[in-house]
C-alpha atoms as a PDB file:
ATOM      1  CA  UNK A   1     -30.861  25.940   6.420  1.00  0.00           C
ATOM      2  CA  UNK A   2     -28.302  23.156   6.321  1.00  0.00           C
ATOM      3  CA  UNK A   3     -24.745  23.928   7.290  1.00  0.00           C
ATOM      4  CA  UNK A   4     -22.011  23.205   4.727  1.00  0.00           C
ATOM      5  CA  UNK A   5     -20.498  19.746   5.111  1.00  0.00           C
ATOM      6  CA  UNK A   6     -16.840  19.377   5.931  1.00  0.00           C
ATOM      7  CA  UNK A   7     -15.927  16.285   3.962  1.00  0.00           C
ATOM      8  CA  UNK A   8     -12.273  15.385   3.555  1.00  0.00           C
ATOM      9  CA  UNK A   9     -10.607  13.516   0.704  1.00  0.00           C
ATOM     10  CA  UNK A  10      -7.263  11.814   1.268  1.00  0.00           C
ATOM     11  CA  UNK A  11      -5.208  10.693  -1.721  1.00  0.00           C
ATOM     12  CA  UNK A  12      -1.823   8.980  -1.400  1.00  0.00           C
ATOM     13  CA  UNK A  13       0.463   7.788  -4.182  1.00  0.00           C
ATOM     14  CA  UNK A  14       2.839   5.233  -2.671  1.00  0.00           C
ATOM     15  CA  UNK A  15       5.960   4.486  -4.759  1.00  0.00           C
ATOM     16  CA  UNK A  16       7.775   1.278  -3.840  1.00  0.00           C
ATOM     17  CA  UNK A  17      11.201   0.856  -5.395  1.00  0.00           C
ATOM     18  CA  UNK A  18      12.885  -1.935  -3.440  1.00  0.00           C
ATOM     19  CA  UNK A  19      12.540  -3.940  -0.252  1.00  0.00           C
ATOM     20  CA  UNK A  20      15.432  -5.466   1.666  1.00  0.00           C
ATOM     21  CA  UNK A  21      15.531  -7.279   4.990  1.00  0.00           C
ATOM     22  CA  UNK A  22      19.093  -8.184   6.012  1.00  0.00           C
ATOM     23  CA  UNK A  23      19.313 -11.527   7.804  1.00  0.00           C
ATOM     24  CA  UNK A  24      15.932 -12.695   6.509  1.00  0.00           C
ATOM     25  CA  UNK A  25      15.622 -16.071   4.818  1.00  0.00           C
ATOM     26  CA  UNK A  26      12.820 -16.718   2.393  1.00  0.00           C
ATOM     27  CA  UNK A  27      11.494 -20.069   1.258  1.00  0.00           C
ATOM     28  CA  UNK A  28      12.742 -21.271  -2.102  1.00  0.00           C
ATOM     29  CA  UNK A  29       9.255 -22.158  -3.351  1.00  0.00           C
ATOM     30  CA  UNK A  30       6.318 -19.882  -4.043  1.00  0.00           C
ATOM     31  CA  UNK A  31       6.143 -16.240  -4.984  1.00  0.00           C
ATOM     32  CA  UNK A  32       5.962 -13.334  -2.531  1.00  0.00           C
ATOM     33  CA  UNK A  33       4.244  -9.950  -2.431  1.00  0.00           C
ATOM     34  CA  UNK A  34       4.281  -6.855  -0.208  1.00  0.00           C
ATOM     35  CA  UNK A  35       0.998  -6.015   1.538  1.00  0.00           C
ATOM     36  CA  UNK A  36       0.454  -2.385   2.646  1.00  0.00           C
ATOM     37  CA  UNK A  37      -2.355  -1.112   4.877  1.00  0.00           C
ATOM     38  CA  UNK A  38      -2.902   2.657   4.724  1.00  0.00           C
ATOM     39  CA  UNK A  39      -6.007   4.699   5.581  1.00  0.00           C
ATOM     40  CA  UNK A  40      -7.759   1.445   6.473  1.00  0.00           C
ATOM     41  CA  UNK A  41      -7.320   0.005   2.972  1.00  0.00           C
ATOM     42  CA  UNK A  42      -5.138  -2.925   1.958  1.00  0.00           C
ATOM     43  CA  UNK A  43      -3.184  -3.017  -1.296  1.00  0.00           C
ATOM     44  CA  UNK A  44      -0.575  -5.491  -2.433  1.00  0.00           C
ATOM     45  CA  UNK A  45       2.142  -5.590  -5.044  1.00  0.00           C
ATOM     46  CA  UNK A  46       2.331  -8.064  -7.884  1.00  0.00           C
ATOM     47  CA  UNK A  47       3.758 -11.532  -7.213  1.00  0.00           C
ATOM     48  CA  UNK A  48       7.555 -11.762  -7.391  1.00  0.00           C
ATOM     49  CA  UNK A  49      10.181 -14.483  -6.999  1.00  0.00           C
ATOM     50  CA  UNK A  50      11.478 -14.907  -3.421  1.00  0.00           C
ATOM     51  CA  UNK A  51      14.891 -13.235  -3.726  1.00  0.00           C
ATOM     52  CA  UNK A  52      16.110 -10.336  -1.560  1.00  0.00           C
ATOM     53  CA  UNK A  53      16.518  -7.468  -2.216  1.00  0.00           C
ATOM     54  CA  UNK A  54      13.246  -7.311  -4.127  1.00  0.00           C
ATOM     55  CA  UNK A  55      13.175  -4.650  -6.846  1.00  0.00           C
ATOM     56  CA  UNK A  56       9.517  -3.717  -7.217  1.00  0.00           C
ATOM     57  CA  UNK A  57       9.170  -0.313  -8.931  1.00  0.00           C
ATOM     58  CA  UNK A  58       5.399  -0.142  -8.540  1.00  0.00           C
ATOM     59  CA  UNK A  59       2.919   2.592  -7.578  1.00  0.00           C
ATOM     60  CA  UNK A  60      -0.018   1.967  -5.269  1.00  0.00           C
ATOM     61  CA  UNK A  61      -2.853   4.486  -4.992  1.00  0.00           C
ATOM     62  CA  UNK A  62      -4.939   4.977  -1.865  1.00  0.00           C
ATOM     63  CA  UNK A  63      -8.003   7.213  -2.036  1.00  0.00           C
ATOM     64  CA  UNK A  64     -10.451   7.760   0.819  1.00  0.00           C
ATOM     65  CA  UNK A  65     -13.271  10.205   1.491  1.00  0.00           C
ATOM     66  CA  UNK A  66     -14.285  10.941   5.074  1.00  0.00           C
ATOM     67  CA  UNK A  67     -17.788  12.325   5.463  1.00  0.00           C
ATOM     68  CA  UNK A  68     -18.618  14.519   8.417  1.00  0.00           C
ATOM     69  CA  UNK A  69     -21.724  13.827  10.453  1.00  0.00           C
ATOM     70  CA  UNK A  70     -24.138  16.742  10.667  1.00  0.00           C
END
């Protein structure tokens, strides 16, 4: 008889409203984005003009299932 598996599901809703970095200078050319690594997954925001503070107002969803080894 097999024992019940203990799988785990992680779900994160990450709300980004604004990013500011006082004293930081950005290049005048090219767009920028914010890259976030969470639960071993990488997500990035849409491209935006390089002006600080950056008002993003975007949701990123991270979903991961961890399977147990029996």
